[in-house]
Amino acid sequence: MDDFLRCLAWTMQWEDPRLAYAVTSDNKGQVLSGINSEEWPEDFARIAALPQAERPAAVAAFYQRCFWNQWLAQLGIEIQKRAFDCGVNEGSGVAIKLLQESVNVVRKVAPFIAEDGLWGPATVAAANSVDQVALVATFIKGRCARYRQIVVVNPADEPYLAEWLARAQA
């Protein structure tokens, strides 16, 4: 549980830096602590309807249910925080695939792991078997490259690039 709470605190610095747990708007609709009303309508509505004092626990429960898992819990804390945050910001499949790609880059030689975007014991074992400092650095580099590619494909997202890069490089 402690690792989850550390990962959640890491991610909340981007999703709700003031921990206001208030409904705001962004380019995709209404948002409450990073929970988007269009992507998570039932969760958003349920949490938004709660009294302010009950929202922190509900937000934490949402992130634990939707983004935390047994595999993520087995990683070292530095890669764990970044993979969790990447999953929240870009989707769990993207985070896992980026982790797998990063492991293969750090390993440099076979045996490589499948870059399939799926959790499993092979991904966890491989991630834990490589140099953790190099893994984190490679993950950060890959995440930044992904954000830059998003802007190349969709120039309308360019206003978000600086914040995305800051988030990835934290």
Foldseek 3Di string as FASTA:
>chain_A
DVLLVVLLLLLLCQQPVVLQQAWDADPQGIHGSLRHCVVNVVLVVVLNPDDRVPNVVSVSVVLCVQQNDPLLVLADSLLSSLLSNCCSVPNQLVSLLLLLVLLCVQVVDDPGDDSRSDDDPVSSVSSRVGDVVSSLVSSLVVQLVVLVVVCVVPVVCVVCNVVSNVSSVD
